[in-house]
Protein backbone atom coordinates (compact mmCIF):
# COMPACT_ATOMS: atom_id res chain seq x y z
CA MET A 1 -50.71 -69.82 3.22
CA GLU A 2 -50.21 -68.21 6.63
CA THR A 3 -46.56 -69.23 6.63
CA GLU A 4 -46.05 -67.68 3.22
CA THR A 5 -47.80 -64.50 4.33
CA VAL A 6 -45.64 -64.18 7.43
CA THR A 7 -42.50 -64.79 5.39
CA ALA A 8 -43.46 -62.17 2.83
CA THR A 9 -44.14 -59.62 5.57
CA VAL A 10 -40.75 -60.19 7.13
CA GLU A 11 -39.05 -59.80 3.77
CA ASP A 12 -40.96 -56.56 3.11
CA LYS A 13 -39.84 -55.21 6.47
CA ARG A 14 -36.25 -56.14 5.67
CA GLN A 15 -36.49 -54.33 2.33
CA ASP A 16 -38.05 -51.28 3.98
CA GLY A 17 -35.31 -51.30 6.60
CA GLY A 18 -32.65 -51.54 3.92
CA LEU A 19 -34.13 -48.60 2.03
CA LYS A 20 -34.29 -46.56 5.23
CA GLU A 21 -30.65 -47.29 6.02
CA ALA A 22 -29.67 -46.38 2.45
CA ARG A 23 -31.53 -43.07 2.67
CA GLU A 24 -29.89 -42.26 6.02
CA ALA A 25 -26.47 -43.12 4.63
CA ALA A 26 -27.07 -40.94 1.57
CA ALA A 27 -28.22 -38.06 3.77
CA LEU A 28 -25.12 -38.34 5.96
CA ASP A 29 -22.90 -38.51 2.90
CA GLY A 30 -24.55 -35.40 1.42
CA ALA A 31 -24.16 -33.50 4.67
CA ALA A 32 -20.49 -34.46 4.84
CA LYS A 33 -19.91 -33.24 1.27
CA ALA A 34 -21.78 -30.01 1.96
CA LYS A 35 -19.62 -29.48 5.03
CA GLU A 36 -16.48 -30.03 2.97
CA THR A 37 -17.53 -27.57 0.23
CA LYS A 38 -18.89 -24.90 2.60
CA VAL A 39 -16.79 -21.75 2.48
CA ALA A 40 -15.29 -20.86 5.83
CA PRO A 41 -16.68 -17.58 7.13
CA GLU A 42 -14.33 -14.60 7.26
CA ARG A 43 -12.83 -13.70 10.59
CA LYS A 44 -14.29 -10.49 11.89
CA ARG A 45 -11.97 -7.55 12.26
CA SER A 46 -10.91 -6.98 15.81
CA ARG A 47 -11.49 -3.52 17.21
CA ASN A 48 -8.09 -3.37 18.85
CA LEU A 49 -4.80 -4.99 17.83
CA SER A 50 -2.94 -3.92 20.97
CA GLU A 51 -3.09 -7.44 22.42
CA ASP A 52 -1.90 -9.11 19.22
CA ARG A 53 1.78 -9.89 19.74
CA ARG A 54 2.09 -11.02 16.13
CA PHE A 55 1.40 -7.53 14.80
CA LYS A 56 3.61 -4.44 14.76
CA LEU A 57 3.49 -1.06 13.06
CA PHE A 58 6.60 0.96 12.22
CA SER A 59 7.12 4.30 10.54
CA GLY A 60 9.83 6.13 8.69
CA SER A 61 10.42 9.87 8.97
CA ALA A 62 8.46 10.87 5.83
CA ASN A 63 5.02 11.12 7.49
CA LYS A 64 5.20 10.16 11.15
CA PRO A 65 1.95 12.00 12.09
CA LEU A 66 -0.02 9.82 9.65
CA ALA A 67 1.50 6.65 11.12
CA ASP A 68 0.55 7.84 14.61
CA GLN A 69 -3.03 8.44 13.49
CA ILE A 70 -3.20 4.98 11.91
CA GLY A 71 -1.95 3.51 15.19
CA GLU A 72 -4.71 5.33 17.08
CA HIS A 73 -7.36 3.91 14.75
CA ILE A 74 -6.23 0.31 15.17
CA GLY A 75 -5.22 0.59 18.82
CA VAL A 76 -1.45 0.14 18.62
CA LYS A 77 1.60 2.32 19.13
CA VAL A 78 4.19 2.82 16.44
CA GLY A 79 7.13 0.51 17.16
CA ASP A 80 10.36 1.77 18.72
CA ALA A 81 13.27 2.21 16.36
CA LYS A 82 16.34 4.39 16.00
CA LEU A 83 16.42 6.29 12.73
CA GLN A 84 19.36 8.63 12.21
CA ARG A 85 21.67 9.85 9.49
CA PHE A 86 25.43 9.92 9.27
CA ALA A 87 27.20 13.20 8.56
CA ASP A 88 27.20 12.48 4.82
CA GLY A 89 23.44 11.73 4.77
CA GLU A 90 23.52 7.92 4.88
CA VAL A 91 20.62 6.28 6.71
CA TYR A 92 21.16 4.46 10.00
CA PHE A 93 18.22 2.36 11.17
CA GLN A 94 17.97 0.00 14.14
CA LEU A 95 14.91 -1.82 15.47
CA LEU A 96 14.51 -1.52 19.24
CA GLU A 97 11.86 -4.26 19.45
CA ASN A 98 11.82 -7.96 18.69
CA VAL A 99 10.01 -8.70 15.40
CA ARG A 100 10.87 -12.37 14.96
CA GLY A 101 7.84 -14.12 13.49
CA VAL A 102 5.80 -10.90 13.51
CA ASP A 103 3.49 -9.48 10.82
CA VAL A 104 5.06 -6.02 10.31
CA PHE A 105 3.64 -2.96 8.52
CA VAL A 106 5.93 -0.06 7.59
CA VAL A 107 4.39 3.34 6.81
CA GLN A 108 6.56 5.50 4.55
CA PRO A 109 5.42 7.62 1.59
CA THR A 110 8.16 8.33 -0.94
CA CYS A 111 7.44 12.07 -1.08
CA TYR A 112 9.88 14.99 -1.04
CA PRO A 113 12.80 14.49 -0.58
CA VAL A 114 11.90 11.49 -2.72
CA ASP A 115 15.29 9.78 -2.98
CA GLN A 116 16.06 10.08 0.74
CA ASN A 117 12.67 8.72 1.80
CA LEU A 118 12.90 5.88 -0.71
CA VAL A 119 16.34 4.77 0.50
CA GLU A 120 15.14 5.08 4.09
CA LEU A 121 12.27 2.70 3.30
CA LEU A 122 14.62 0.21 1.63
CA VAL A 123 16.96 0.23 4.64
CA MET A 124 14.03 -0.32 7.02
CA ILE A 125 12.79 -3.28 4.97
CA ASP A 126 16.26 -4.82 4.97
CA ALA A 127 16.54 -4.44 8.76
CA LEU A 128 13.15 -6.10 9.27
CA LYS A 129 14.05 -8.95 6.93
CA ARG A 130 17.33 -9.60 8.76
CA ALA A 131 15.47 -9.47 12.09
CA SER A 132 13.33 -12.44 10.89
CA ALA A 133 9.96 -10.69 10.55
CA ALA A 134 7.38 -13.20 9.33
CA ARG A 135 5.90 -10.82 6.76
CA ILE A 136 6.78 -7.26 5.76
CA THR A 137 4.04 -5.08 4.26
CA VAL A 138 5.11 -1.69 2.95
CA VAL A 139 2.40 0.95 3.36
CA VAL A 140 3.26 3.63 0.82
CA PRO A 141 0.50 6.27 0.80
CA TYR A 142 2.29 8.14 -1.99
CA TYR A 143 4.26 6.12 -4.55
CA GLY A 144 7.06 8.27 -5.97
CA TYR A 145 8.41 7.83 -9.51
CA ALA A 146 4.96 6.59 -10.60
CA ARG A 147 4.61 9.07 -13.46
CA GLN A 148 7.14 7.19 -15.59
CA ASP A 149 5.12 4.01 -16.02
CA ARG A 150 5.74 3.37 -19.74
CA LYS A 151 8.03 4.32 -22.62
CA ASP A 152 6.14 7.27 -24.05
CA ARG A 153 9.31 8.73 -25.59
CA PRO A 154 12.50 7.20 -27.01
CA ARG A 155 15.23 6.19 -24.55
CA VAL A 156 13.42 6.92 -21.28
CA ALA A 157 13.32 4.88 -18.08
CA ILE A 158 10.28 3.12 -16.63
CA SER A 159 10.99 4.25 -13.10
CA ALA A 160 7.74 2.89 -11.65
CA LYS A 161 8.93 -0.64 -12.49
CA LEU A 162 12.41 0.07 -11.11
CA ILE A 163 10.99 1.13 -7.72
CA ALA A 164 8.80 -1.99 -7.66
CA ASP A 165 11.89 -4.15 -8.20
CA LEU A 166 13.81 -2.30 -5.48
CA LEU A 167 11.05 -2.79 -2.89
CA THR A 168 10.72 -6.48 -3.72
CA THR A 169 14.47 -7.10 -3.72
CA ALA A 170 14.85 -5.34 -0.37
CA GLY A 171 12.49 -7.89 1.14
CA ALA A 172 8.91 -6.56 1.02
CA ASN A 173 6.37 -9.40 1.01
CA ARG A 174 3.31 -7.26 0.35
CA ALA A 175 2.50 -3.66 -0.62
CA LEU A 176 -0.32 -1.25 0.16
CA PHE A 177 -0.73 1.90 -1.95
CA VAL A 178 -3.19 4.79 -2.20
CA ASP A 179 -4.33 6.15 -5.58
CA LEU A 180 -1.49 5.05 -7.82
CA HIS A 181 -0.90 7.38 -10.76
CA ALA A 182 -1.70 4.45 -13.05
CA ALA A 183 -3.45 1.27 -11.93
CA GLN A 184 -1.23 -0.93 -14.10
CA ILE A 185 1.70 -0.23 -11.77
CA GLN A 186 0.30 -3.06 -9.65
CA GLY A 187 1.41 -5.42 -12.42
CA PHE A 188 5.04 -4.36 -11.96
CA PHE A 189 5.11 -6.26 -8.65
CA ASN A 190 5.55 -9.99 -8.18
CA ILE A 191 4.14 -9.73 -4.65
CA PRO A 192 0.52 -9.12 -3.57
CA VAL A 193 -0.54 -5.48 -3.91
CA ASP A 194 -3.56 -3.78 -2.34
CA HIS A 195 -4.58 -0.57 -4.09
CA LEU A 196 -6.71 1.80 -2.01
CA PHE A 197 -8.63 4.83 -3.22
CA ALA A 198 -9.11 8.01 -1.22
CA SER A 199 -12.50 8.54 -2.88
CA PRO A 200 -14.58 7.34 0.13
CA VAL A 201 -13.07 10.12 2.25
CA LEU A 202 -13.39 12.77 -0.46
CA VAL A 203 -16.89 11.72 -1.54
CA SER A 204 -18.10 11.87 2.05
CA TYR A 205 -16.83 15.45 2.39
CA PHE A 206 -18.54 16.72 -0.76
CA ARG A 207 -21.77 14.91 0.07
CA GLU A 208 -21.88 16.87 3.31
CA LEU A 209 -20.97 20.08 1.48
CA LYS A 210 -24.06 19.64 -0.78
CA LEU A 211 -22.98 21.92 -3.60
CA PRO A 212 -25.93 22.70 -5.93
CA ASN A 213 -25.67 22.12 -9.70
CA LEU A 214 -22.45 20.16 -9.27
CA THR A 215 -20.46 18.91 -12.26
CA VAL A 216 -17.40 16.71 -11.74
CA VAL A 217 -14.49 17.49 -14.05
CA SER A 218 -11.55 15.39 -15.19
CA PRO A 219 -8.49 17.57 -15.98
CA ASP A 220 -7.35 15.13 -18.69
CA ALA A 221 -8.46 12.02 -20.56
CA GLY A 222 -6.32 9.77 -18.36
CA GLY A 223 -8.33 10.62 -15.25
CA VAL A 224 -11.77 9.94 -16.73
CA GLU A 225 -12.25 6.59 -15.00
CA ARG A 226 -11.41 8.07 -11.59
CA THR A 227 -13.68 11.05 -12.20
CA ARG A 228 -16.57 8.93 -13.50
CA PHE A 229 -16.49 6.83 -10.33
CA PHE A 230 -16.57 10.00 -8.21
CA ALA A 231 -19.42 11.48 -10.29
CA GLN A 232 -21.51 8.33 -9.82
CA LYS A 233 -20.99 8.44 -6.05
CA VAL A 234 -22.12 12.07 -5.72
CA GLY A 235 -24.79 11.82 -8.41
CA ALA A 236 -23.35 14.52 -10.68
CA PRO A 237 -22.69 14.79 -14.44
CA LEU A 238 -19.19 14.49 -15.89
CA ALA A 239 -17.09 16.93 -17.94
CA ILE A 240 -13.62 16.47 -19.42
CA VAL A 241 -10.88 18.98 -20.16
CA ASP A 242 -8.82 18.20 -23.25
CA LYS A 243 -5.18 18.76 -22.24
CA ARG A 244 -2.03 18.65 -24.30
CA ARG A 245 1.30 18.42 -22.46
CA THR A 246 4.13 20.24 -24.23
CA ASP A 247 6.93 19.49 -21.72
CA LEU A 248 7.48 18.11 -18.22
CA ASN A 249 5.20 19.93 -15.75
CA VAL A 250 3.93 22.09 -18.65
CA ALA A 251 0.39 21.62 -19.96
CA GLU A 252 -1.77 23.53 -22.40
CA VAL A 253 -5.53 23.25 -21.97
CA MET A 254 -7.38 23.03 -25.26
CA ASN A 255 -11.15 22.88 -24.62
CA VAL A 256 -13.87 21.62 -22.31
CA VAL A 257 -16.02 18.64 -23.26
CA GLY A 258 -19.35 18.86 -21.43
CA ASP A 259 -21.74 21.51 -20.12
CA VAL A 260 -20.30 23.57 -17.25
CA ARG A 261 -22.18 26.85 -17.78
CA GLY A 262 -23.73 28.06 -14.53
CA LYS A 263 -22.43 24.96 -12.69
CA ASN A 264 -20.33 24.43 -9.58
CA CYS A 265 -17.39 22.46 -10.95
CA LEU A 266 -15.28 20.01 -8.98
CA ILE A 267 -11.92 19.04 -10.52
CA ILE A 268 -10.77 15.52 -9.55
CA ASP A 269 -7.11 14.51 -9.79
CA ASP A 270 -4.70 12.14 -8.09
CA ILE A 271 -1.72 14.53 -7.80
CA ILE A 272 -1.30 18.28 -7.57
CA ASP A 273 2.37 18.90 -8.30
CA THR A 274 3.21 22.37 -9.65
CA ALA A 275 -0.54 23.17 -10.03
CA GLY A 276 0.05 24.31 -13.61
CA THR A 277 -2.55 21.93 -15.01
CA LEU A 278 -4.94 22.77 -12.20
CA VAL A 279 -4.98 26.55 -12.65
CA LYS A 280 -5.25 26.27 -16.45
CA THR A 281 -8.18 23.90 -16.01
CA VAL A 282 -9.78 26.44 -13.66
CA ASP A 283 -9.33 29.21 -16.25
CA ALA A 284 -10.83 27.02 -18.98
CA LEU A 285 -13.88 26.21 -16.84
CA TYR A 286 -14.53 29.86 -15.99
CA ALA A 287 -14.07 30.76 -19.67
CA ASN A 288 -16.85 28.30 -20.44
CA GLY A 289 -19.25 29.85 -17.94
CA ALA A 290 -18.63 27.93 -14.70
CA GLU A 291 -20.19 29.50 -11.61
CA ALA A 292 -17.52 28.35 -9.12
CA VAL A 293 -14.64 25.88 -9.23
CA TYR A 294 -13.40 23.54 -6.52
CA ALA A 295 -10.64 20.93 -6.70
CA CYS A 296 -9.67 17.81 -4.82
CA ALA A 297 -6.71 15.48 -5.08
CA THR A 298 -5.28 12.63 -3.07
CA HIS A 299 -1.62 13.64 -3.11
CA ALA A 300 -0.64 17.26 -2.40
CA VAL A 301 2.90 17.27 -3.78
CA LEU A 302 2.74 21.08 -4.20
CA SER A 303 6.24 21.60 -5.51
CA GLY A 304 7.79 24.74 -7.00
CA PRO A 305 5.28 27.57 -7.53
CA ALA A 306 2.22 25.44 -6.70
CA ILE A 307 1.19 27.23 -3.50
CA GLU A 308 1.53 30.68 -5.09
CA ARG A 309 -0.46 29.56 -8.13
CA ILE A 310 -3.28 28.20 -5.98
CA ALA A 311 -3.33 31.32 -3.83
CA ASN A 312 -3.61 33.58 -6.91
CA SER A 313 -6.15 31.38 -8.71
CA ARG A 314 -9.94 31.68 -8.74
CA LEU A 315 -10.31 28.36 -6.95
CA GLU A 316 -12.85 28.38 -4.13
CA GLN A 317 -11.22 25.51 -2.24
CA VAL A 318 -8.69 22.72 -2.72
CA ILE A 319 -9.31 19.49 -0.81
CA VAL A 320 -6.37 17.10 -0.34
CA THR A 321 -5.54 14.16 1.93
CA ASN A 322 -2.64 13.68 4.33
CA THR A 323 -0.78 11.03 2.30
CA ILE A 324 1.93 13.69 2.09
CA PRO A 325 2.67 16.16 4.91
CA LEU A 326 1.99 19.73 3.81
CA ARG A 327 4.68 22.36 3.87
CA ASP A 328 4.24 25.26 6.27
CA ALA A 329 3.23 27.64 3.49
CA ALA A 330 0.50 25.27 2.32
CA GLN A 331 -0.82 24.83 5.86
CA LYS A 332 -1.21 28.61 6.16
CA LEU A 333 -3.18 28.90 2.91
CA PRO A 334 -6.93 29.07 3.76
CA LYS A 335 -7.92 27.64 0.37
CA ILE A 336 -6.31 24.28 1.15
CA LYS A 337 -8.17 21.83 3.39
CA VAL A 338 -6.67 18.50 4.48
CA LEU A 339 -8.70 15.34 5.11
CA SER A 340 -7.20 12.36 6.93
CA ILE A 341 -7.11 8.89 5.38
CA ALA A 342 -5.72 7.30 8.55
CA GLY A 343 -9.01 5.51 9.22
CA LEU A 344 -9.10 4.04 5.71
CA LEU A 345 -5.48 2.88 5.90
CA GLY A 346 -6.01 1.52 9.41
CA ALA A 347 -9.01 -0.54 8.29
CA ALA A 348 -7.04 -1.89 5.31
CA ILE A 349 -4.05 -2.81 7.49
CA GLU A 350 -6.33 -4.60 9.91
CA SER A 351 -8.03 -6.47 7.05
CA ILE A 352 -4.69 -7.60 5.62
CA HIS A 353 -3.48 -8.80 9.01
CA MET A 354 -6.76 -10.59 9.76
CA GLU A 355 -6.91 -11.95 6.19
CA THR A 356 -10.32 -10.47 5.46
CA SER A 357 -11.47 -8.65 2.33
CA VAL A 358 -10.04 -5.22 1.64
CA SER A 359 -12.45 -4.56 -1.24
CA THR A 360 -15.39 -4.39 1.19
CA LEU A 361 -14.04 -1.01 2.32
CA PHE A 362 -15.26 0.43 -0.99
CA SER A 363 -18.57 -1.39 -1.33
C-alpha cells in the first residue's frame, strides 16, 4: 500500500508539473502574439529639423516670405537655389545644394501670375527629380485652376484635373494643399494628398474677438459644410445666402436663409476673388437687419476691382491668411487683416516627414 501511495504521489506531481509547464508555455505564446499585434507608437515630432540631413525645404518666387516663416517654425533655412528668367520669360532653375536621397518640400502657391508660378513649380519639381531627391512633396497653399473641377457646362475643361496630372507627371510624390475649392480635387491625384484647413487659425482669432450675438454665414450652398464646421467651433448659429451665378465672376444674391436680424454676421468663404459675391452678400445681410458684418477667407486673390469694392463696402473687417501675398493696395487697406498659417503648414510638414498623423492638427 505504501509503495502504491508513493507512486501515485509522484505521478500527481508529474501531472502538476506538466500542467504548470503548459500554462507557462501558453502565457509566453500569448505574450508573443500580443507583442506581434501591438501597434507601434508614433514617433514624436521633433522640435527642430535643422540637424536632419534627410530633410530640405525649398521655395519658389510666388510666396517666399511664407516659406521663410515656415522654416522659422520648424527650425530650418530655405534651401539655396538659383531661380531666374530668360529674356523671353522662360524659367531657369538650378539647385545649389545636394538633395540626393533627401525628403524635399517645395513651397509654391499657384497664385497671380498663375501660369508663370505654375510652370515655375513644374520646373522645380523636374530639377529635384533629376537630382535624385528621395521624395518630393509640393506644398501648394493656394491651388490655382481649382474652380473648374467638373463639367458644369457643355465643352468646358476640367482644369483642376489637368493641373493634378501635370504635377504628378513632373515628378511630385506627395502634395499638401490648404482649403481646396472643392474637396473632391484630392481624388484627381494618384499620389498621397494632405488637405489642410485654415479654420484653426481663423477660429482662434474670432474666439479671441468675442463678438456678441454672432451668426456664421455661408455665401452660397456649396460652402455650407465649411461654414457649419466653423459655426460649431465658435458656438454660433448658421445662416445661408442663396446665390445664383449668371456669368463668370458675376453673382446675383437672391435671399437669406436664417435669422440675422440684430446679429453680428461673419461670412465664411475659401476665396475672395473680385469680391462681387462678398459685397452682395453683405448688402443682403444688412437688408435683412444685420447689426454688423465681418468676413474671413483663406485665399485673398483680390483681383480686378476687389480692393475698391471692399473699401467702399459696409464690411467691418475682412480676415484672410497669407497663402497668397497681398498686393500693396490691399496691405494699405485698414479693413483687411492678415493671419499667418506658417505654423500650421510647418506642423503638417514636420508630421509628413516624421510619418505621424496630420489629422491630429485639427482634433
